[in-house]
C-alpha cells in the first residue's frame, strides 16, 4: 500500500525539526572565551547524543539515564559538562561522569575525549576498542584514528566530522539529518 502524501509530511517535519535542533547547537558554538568554548562543546555533545540510534537492549529500562563519560584535562571543560547533568537527550536524562584516567568505567554510552586531556586519540581509542559506546573527540585526526565524531573549529564556529564505519562497527546509527549538517562524512 502506497503512503498518502500527507503521511510523508510529519516525517519530513521531524527531520527538519531534528536538523534545526542540531543546527541550534552549532550556532551557539561561537565562543568569545575559553568558558564559552567549553560550554559550546558540552552543548554540541549533548545535542548530538539525542540523534544516536542505540541497539535494542542498550538500556535497562525506558527511563534509564544516558551515561556520558568525559575525559578532559581542563576544569573549565569539566564544569561545562557538569552543567549538562540531567539535561534530556531525547527522553533520557544525561548522567555525566568525569573520569580521571584514560580507562573509562564500564557502562558509558558516550565517551568524550577533549584535547585538553593531552592524550592522543589513537591510544585512547585502542583502550576502548570493542565497547559499544558513541565516541566523540576534539583532537585533530580523531575520526581518522577510529573515533565516531570529531568536533572541529571552523571560522570560530564548532562543526563536526562523522566516521560512519566506526558507528556501524559499534552497532550504532545516527539520524540522517545529522549527516546533512556534518562538515565531512567518512564512509
C-alpha atoms as a PDB file:
ATOM      1  CA  UNK A   1       0.000   0.000   0.000  1.00  0.00           C
ATOM      2  CA  UNK A   2       1.438   3.357  -1.023  1.00  0.00           C
ATOM      3  CA  UNK A   3       1.764   6.085   1.567  1.00  0.00           C
ATOM      4  CA  UNK A   4      -0.504   9.051   1.108  1.00  0.00           C
ATOM      5  CA  UNK A   5       1.150  12.435   0.546  1.00  0.00           C
ATOM      6  CA  UNK A   6       0.057  13.626   3.990  1.00  0.00           C
ATOM      7  CA  UNK A   7       1.719  10.575   5.591  1.00  0.00           C
ATOM      8  CA  UNK A   8       5.181  11.787   4.478  1.00  0.00           C
ATOM      9  CA  UNK A   9       4.740  15.324   5.824  1.00  0.00           C
ATOM     10  CA  UNK A  10       5.041  14.506   9.543  1.00  0.00           C
ATOM     11  CA  UNK A  11       8.204  12.502   8.871  1.00  0.00           C
ATOM     12  CA  UNK A  12       9.730  15.353   6.878  1.00  0.00           C
ATOM     13  CA  UNK A  13       8.694  17.738   9.638  1.00  0.00           C
ATOM     14  CA  UNK A  14      10.501  15.621  12.235  1.00  0.00           C
ATOM     15  CA  UNK A  15      13.599  15.590  10.036  1.00  0.00           C
ATOM     16  CA  UNK A  16      13.525  19.354   9.735  1.00  0.00           C
ATOM     17  CA  UNK A  17      12.978  19.778  13.483  1.00  0.00           C
ATOM     18  CA  UNK A  18      15.862  17.414  14.217  1.00  0.00           C
ATOM     19  CA  UNK A  19      18.117  19.315  11.835  1.00  0.00           C
ATOM     20  CA  UNK A  20      17.096  22.654  13.352  1.00  0.00           C
ATOM     21  CA  UNK A  21      17.717  21.410  16.883  1.00  0.00           C
ATOM     22  CA  UNK A  22      21.175  20.210  15.905  1.00  0.00           C
ATOM     23  CA  UNK A  23      21.934  23.390  13.978  1.00  0.00           C
ATOM     24  CA  UNK A  24      20.860  25.385  17.032  1.00  0.00           C
ATOM     25  CA  UNK A  25      23.550  23.567  18.993  1.00  0.00           C
ATOM     26  CA  UNK A  26      26.101  24.511  16.346  1.00  0.00           C
ATOM     27  CA  UNK A  27      25.180  28.177  16.050  1.00  0.00           C
ATOM     28  CA  UNK A  28      25.599  28.671  19.778  1.00  0.00           C
ATOM     29  CA  UNK A  29      29.108  27.336  19.403  1.00  0.00           C
ATOM     30  CA  UNK A  30      30.544  30.754  18.549  1.00  0.00           C
ATOM     31  CA  UNK A  31      32.729  31.373  21.562  1.00  0.00           C
ATOM     32  CA  UNK A  32      34.323  34.520  22.859  1.00  0.00           C
ATOM     33  CA  UNK A  33      36.147  32.867  25.756  1.00  0.00           C
ATOM     34  CA  UNK A  34      37.543  29.549  26.915  1.00  0.00           C
ATOM     35  CA  UNK A  35      34.470  29.041  29.109  1.00  0.00           C
ATOM     36  CA  UNK A  36      32.185  29.766  26.170  1.00  0.00           C
ATOM     37  CA  UNK A  37      34.113  27.310  24.015  1.00  0.00           C
ATOM     38  CA  UNK A  38      33.843  24.575  26.648  1.00  0.00           C
ATOM     39  CA  UNK A  39      30.118  25.247  27.100  1.00  0.00           C
ATOM     40  CA  UNK A  40      29.622  25.096  23.332  1.00  0.00           C
ATOM     41  CA  UNK A  41      31.394  21.715  23.170  1.00  0.00           C
ATOM     42  CA  UNK A  42      29.259  20.350  26.002  1.00  0.00           C
ATOM     43  CA  UNK A  43      26.067  21.592  24.379  1.00  0.00           C
ATOM     44  CA  UNK A  44      27.041  20.147  20.994  1.00  0.00           C
ATOM     45  CA  UNK A  45      27.832  16.738  22.546  1.00  0.00           C
ATOM     46  CA  UNK A  46      24.504  16.746  24.409  1.00  0.00           C
ATOM     47  CA  UNK A  47      22.688  17.740  21.214  1.00  0.00           C
ATOM     48  CA  UNK A  48      24.381  15.048  19.114  1.00  0.00           C
ATOM     49  CA  UNK A  49      23.508  12.401  21.708  1.00  0.00           C
ATOM     50  CA  UNK A  50      19.806  12.981  21.002  1.00  0.00           C
ATOM     51  CA  UNK A  51      20.227  11.668  17.472  1.00  0.00           C
ATOM     52  CA  UNK A  52      22.138   8.448  18.132  1.00  0.00           C
ATOM     53  CA  UNK A  53      20.240   5.251  17.381  1.00  0.00           C
ATOM     54  CA  UNK A  54      21.092   2.732  20.087  1.00  0.00           C
ATOM     55  CA  UNK A  55      20.745  -1.036  19.555  1.00  0.00           C
ATOM     56  CA  UNK A  56      17.991  -2.925  21.391  1.00  0.00           C
ATOM     57  CA  UNK A  57      18.970  -3.901  24.916  1.00  0.00           C
ATOM     58  CA  UNK A  58      21.349  -0.968  25.407  1.00  0.00           C
ATOM     59  CA  UNK A  59      19.347   0.383  28.341  1.00  0.00           C
ATOM     60  CA  UNK A  60      17.971  -1.494  31.336  1.00  0.00           C
ATOM     61  CA  UNK A  61      14.608   0.285  31.125  1.00  0.00           C
ATOM     62  CA  UNK A  62      12.857   3.120  29.300  1.00  0.00           C
ATOM     63  CA  UNK A  63      13.833   5.799  31.851  1.00  0.00           C
ATOM     64  CA  UNK A  64      17.458   4.669  32.300  1.00  0.00           C
ATOM     65  CA  UNK A  65      19.934   7.567  32.013  1.00  0.00           C
ATOM     66  CA  UNK A  66      22.380   8.031  29.168  1.00  0.00           C
ATOM     67  CA  UNK A  67      25.876   7.860  30.702  1.00  0.00           C
ATOM     68  CA  UNK A  68      28.265  10.457  29.259  1.00  0.00           C
ATOM     69  CA  UNK A  69      31.847   9.848  30.391  1.00  0.00           C
ATOM     70  CA  UNK A  70      34.148  12.853  29.972  1.00  0.00           C
ATOM     71  CA  UNK A  71      37.945  12.769  29.960  1.00  0.00           C
ATOM     72  CA  UNK A  72      39.402  16.292  29.960  1.00  0.00           C
ATOM     73  CA  UNK A  73      42.462  17.970  31.363  1.00  0.00           C
ATOM     74  CA  UNK A  74      40.674  21.246  31.997  1.00  0.00           C
ATOM     75  CA  UNK A  75      38.475  22.168  34.966  1.00  0.00           C
ATOM     76  CA  UNK A  76      36.635  24.593  32.662  1.00  0.00           C
ATOM     77  CA  UNK A  77      35.668  21.779  30.283  1.00  0.00           C
ATOM     78  CA  UNK A  78      34.674  19.519  33.177  1.00  0.00           C
ATOM     79  CA  UNK A  79      32.429  22.244  34.660  1.00  0.00           C
ATOM     80  CA  UNK A  80      30.795  22.836  31.270  1.00  0.00           C
ATOM     81  CA  UNK A  81      29.921  19.153  31.003  1.00  0.00           C
ATOM     82  CA  UNK A  82      28.744  19.006  34.615  1.00  0.00           C
ATOM     83  CA  UNK A  83      26.275  21.760  33.675  1.00  0.00           C
ATOM     84  CA  UNK A  84      24.716  19.267  31.235  1.00  0.00           C
ATOM     85  CA  UNK A  85      23.941  16.871  34.123  1.00  0.00           C
ATOM     86  CA  UNK A  86      20.314  15.692  33.848  1.00  0.00           C
ATOM     87  CA  UNK A  87      19.743  17.552  30.567  1.00  0.00           C
ATOM     88  CA  UNK A  88      17.479  15.473  28.364  1.00  0.00           C
ATOM     89  CA  UNK A  89      18.899  13.502  25.457  1.00  0.00           C
ATOM     90  CA  UNK A  90      15.620  12.605  23.826  1.00  0.00           C
ATOM     91  CA  UNK A  91      13.636  11.143  26.715  1.00  0.00           C
ATOM     92  CA  UNK A  92      16.653  10.111  28.798  1.00  0.00           C
ATOM     93  CA  UNK A  93      18.478  12.281  31.337  1.00  0.00           C
ATOM     94  CA  UNK A  94      22.233  12.678  30.803  1.00  0.00           C
ATOM     95  CA  UNK A  95      24.327  11.297  33.624  1.00  0.00           C
ATOM     96  CA  UNK A  96      27.737  12.997  33.365  1.00  0.00           C
ATOM     97  CA  UNK A  97      30.694  11.037  34.730  1.00  0.00           C
ATOM     98  CA  UNK A  98      34.069  12.796  34.910  1.00  0.00           C
ATOM     99  CA  UNK A  99      36.897  10.305  34.502  1.00  0.00           C
ATOM    100  CA  UNK A 100      40.419  10.931  35.718  1.00  0.00           C
ATOM    101  CA  UNK A 101      42.283   8.167  33.881  1.00  0.00           C
ATOM    102  CA  UNK A 102      42.218   7.189  30.194  1.00  0.00           C
ATOM    103  CA  UNK A 103      40.327   3.999  31.094  1.00  0.00           C
ATOM    104  CA  UNK A 104      36.656   4.908  31.405  1.00  0.00           C
ATOM    105  CA  UNK A 105      34.407   2.995  33.737  1.00  0.00           C
ATOM    106  CA  UNK A 106      32.229   0.330  32.122  1.00  0.00           C
ATOM    107  CA  UNK A 107      28.696   1.225  31.145  1.00  0.00           C
ATOM    108  CA  UNK A 108      29.408   4.504  29.365  1.00  0.00           C
ATOM    109  CA  UNK A 109      27.076   5.133  26.437  1.00  0.00           C
ATOM    110  CA  UNK A 110      29.086   8.162  25.272  1.00  0.00           C
ATOM    111  CA  UNK A 111      32.833   8.685  25.648  1.00  0.00           C
ATOM    112  CA  UNK A 112      34.119  12.236  25.176  1.00  0.00           C
ATOM    113  CA  UNK A 113      37.853  12.969  24.901  1.00  0.00           C
ATOM    114  CA  UNK A 114      38.824  16.641  24.989  1.00  0.00           C
ATOM    115  CA  UNK A 115      42.122  17.804  23.514  1.00  0.00           C
ATOM    116  CA  UNK A 116      42.887  19.440  26.891  1.00  0.00           C
ATOM    117  CA  UNK A 117      43.494  15.914  28.253  1.00  0.00           C
ATOM    118  CA  UNK A 118      46.751  15.755  26.274  1.00  0.00           C
ATOM    119  CA  UNK A 119      46.164  12.143  25.251  1.00  0.00           C
ATOM    120  CA  UNK A 120      46.429  11.039  21.634  1.00  0.00           C
ATOM    121  CA  UNK A 121      43.172   9.711  20.186  1.00  0.00           C
ATOM    122  CA  UNK A 122      44.778   6.570  18.764  1.00  0.00           C
ATOM    123  CA  UNK A 123      45.956   5.408  22.198  1.00  0.00           C
ATOM    124  CA  UNK A 124      42.682   6.319  23.905  1.00  0.00           C
ATOM    125  CA  UNK A 125      40.517   4.638  21.243  1.00  0.00           C
ATOM    126  CA  UNK A 126      42.618   1.451  21.375  1.00  0.00           C
ATOM    127  CA  UNK A 127      41.917   1.319  25.100  1.00  0.00           C
ATOM    128  CA  UNK A 128      38.180   1.381  24.373  1.00  0.00           C
ATOM    129  CA  UNK A 129      38.126  -0.938  21.353  1.00  0.00           C
ATOM    130  CA  UNK A 130      35.177  -3.289  21.307  1.00  0.00           C
ATOM    131  CA  UNK A 131      32.950  -1.115  23.505  1.00  0.00           C
ATOM    132  CA  UNK A 132      29.565  -0.147  22.077  1.00  0.00           C
ATOM    133  CA  UNK A 133      29.969   3.499  23.053  1.00  0.00           C
ATOM    134  CA  UNK A 134      29.455   6.644  20.990  1.00  0.00           C
ATOM    135  CA  UNK A 135      32.933   8.252  20.831  1.00  0.00           C
ATOM    136  CA  UNK A 136      33.418  11.990  20.406  1.00  0.00           C
ATOM    137  CA  UNK A 137      36.691  13.893  20.487  1.00  0.00           C
ATOM    138  CA  UNK A 138      38.198  17.287  19.757  1.00  0.00           C
ATOM    139  CA  UNK A 139      41.707  16.174  18.766  1.00  0.00           C
ATOM    140  CA  UNK A 140      42.884  16.632  15.214  1.00  0.00           C
ATOM    141  CA  UNK A 141      42.538  13.295  13.424  1.00  0.00           C
ATOM    142  CA  UNK A 142      40.040  11.770  15.878  1.00  0.00           C
ATOM    143  CA  UNK A 143      37.817  10.265  13.164  1.00  0.00           C
ATOM    144  CA  UNK A 144      40.852   9.168  11.134  1.00  0.00           C
ATOM    145  CA  UNK A 145      42.014   7.194  14.177  1.00  0.00           C
ATOM    146  CA  UNK A 146      38.632   5.445  14.533  1.00  0.00           C
ATOM    147  CA  UNK A 147      36.533   7.899  16.540  1.00  0.00           C
ATOM    148  CA  UNK A 148      32.918   8.470  15.532  1.00  0.00           C
ATOM    149  CA  UNK A 149      32.581  12.258  15.811  1.00  0.00           C
ATOM    150  CA  UNK A 150      35.364  14.849  15.689  1.00  0.00           C
ATOM    151  CA  UNK A 151      34.463  18.359  16.801  1.00  0.00           C
ATOM    152  CA  UNK A 152      36.415  20.922  14.786  1.00  0.00           C
ATOM    153  CA  UNK A 153      36.650  24.697  14.830  1.00  0.00           C
ATOM    154  CA  UNK A 154      35.902  26.408  11.515  1.00  0.00           C
ATOM    155  CA  UNK A 155      35.887  30.218  11.438  1.00  0.00           C
ATOM    156  CA  UNK A 156      35.263  30.456  15.206  1.00  0.00           C
ATOM    157  CA  UNK A 157      32.317  28.027  14.965  1.00  0.00           C
ATOM    158  CA  UNK A 158      32.244  24.432  16.156  1.00  0.00           C
ATOM    159  CA  UNK A 159      31.446  21.923  13.411  1.00  0.00           C
ATOM    160  CA  UNK A 160      31.862  18.160  13.292  1.00  0.00           C
ATOM    161  CA  UNK A 161      33.040  15.296  11.106  1.00  0.00           C
ATOM    162  CA  UNK A 162      31.459  11.829  11.191  1.00  0.00           C
ATOM    163  CA  UNK A 163      33.024   8.367  10.778  1.00  0.00           C
ATOM    164  CA  UNK A 164      30.121   6.146   9.647  1.00  0.00           C
ATOM    165  CA  UNK A 165      32.219   2.974   9.619  1.00  0.00           C
ATOM    166  CA  UNK A 166      33.114   3.381  13.301  1.00  0.00           C
ATOM    167  CA  UNK A 167      29.443   3.992  14.166  1.00  0.00           C
ATOM    168  CA  UNK A 168      28.274   0.902  12.286  1.00  0.00           C
ATOM    169  CA  UNK A 169      31.053  -1.292  13.728  1.00  0.00           C
ATOM    170  CA  UNK A 170      29.801  -0.389  17.220  1.00  0.00           C
ATOM    171  CA  UNK A 171      26.218  -1.241  16.244  1.00  0.00           C
ATOM    172  CA  UNK A 172      25.138   2.403  16.446  1.00  0.00           C
ATOM    173  CA  UNK A 173      23.283   4.568  13.974  1.00  0.00           C
ATOM    174  CA  UNK A 174      22.772   8.283  13.641  1.00  0.00           C
ATOM    175  CA  UNK A 175      19.866  10.291  12.318  1.00  0.00           C
ATOM    176  CA  UNK A 176      20.299  11.188   8.619  1.00  0.00           C
ATOM    177  CA  UNK A 177      19.630  14.866   9.412  1.00  0.00           C
ATOM    178  CA  UNK A 178      22.862  14.919  11.424  1.00  0.00           C
ATOM    179  CA  UNK A 179      24.826  13.695   8.424  1.00  0.00           C
ATOM    180  CA  UNK A 180      23.451  16.559   6.331  1.00  0.00           C
ATOM    181  CA  UNK A 181      24.825  19.040   8.872  1.00  0.00           C
ATOM    182  CA  UNK A 182      28.257  17.409   9.189  1.00  0.00           C
ATOM    183  CA  UNK A 183      31.234  19.170   7.675  1.00  0.00           C
ATOM    184  CA  UNK A 184      32.517  15.834   6.421  1.00  0.00           C
ATOM    185  CA  UNK A 185      31.144  12.266   6.459  1.00  0.00           C
ATOM    186  CA  UNK A 186      33.658   9.460   6.091  1.00  0.00           C
ATOM    187  CA  UNK A 187      32.416   6.127   4.832  1.00  0.00           C
END
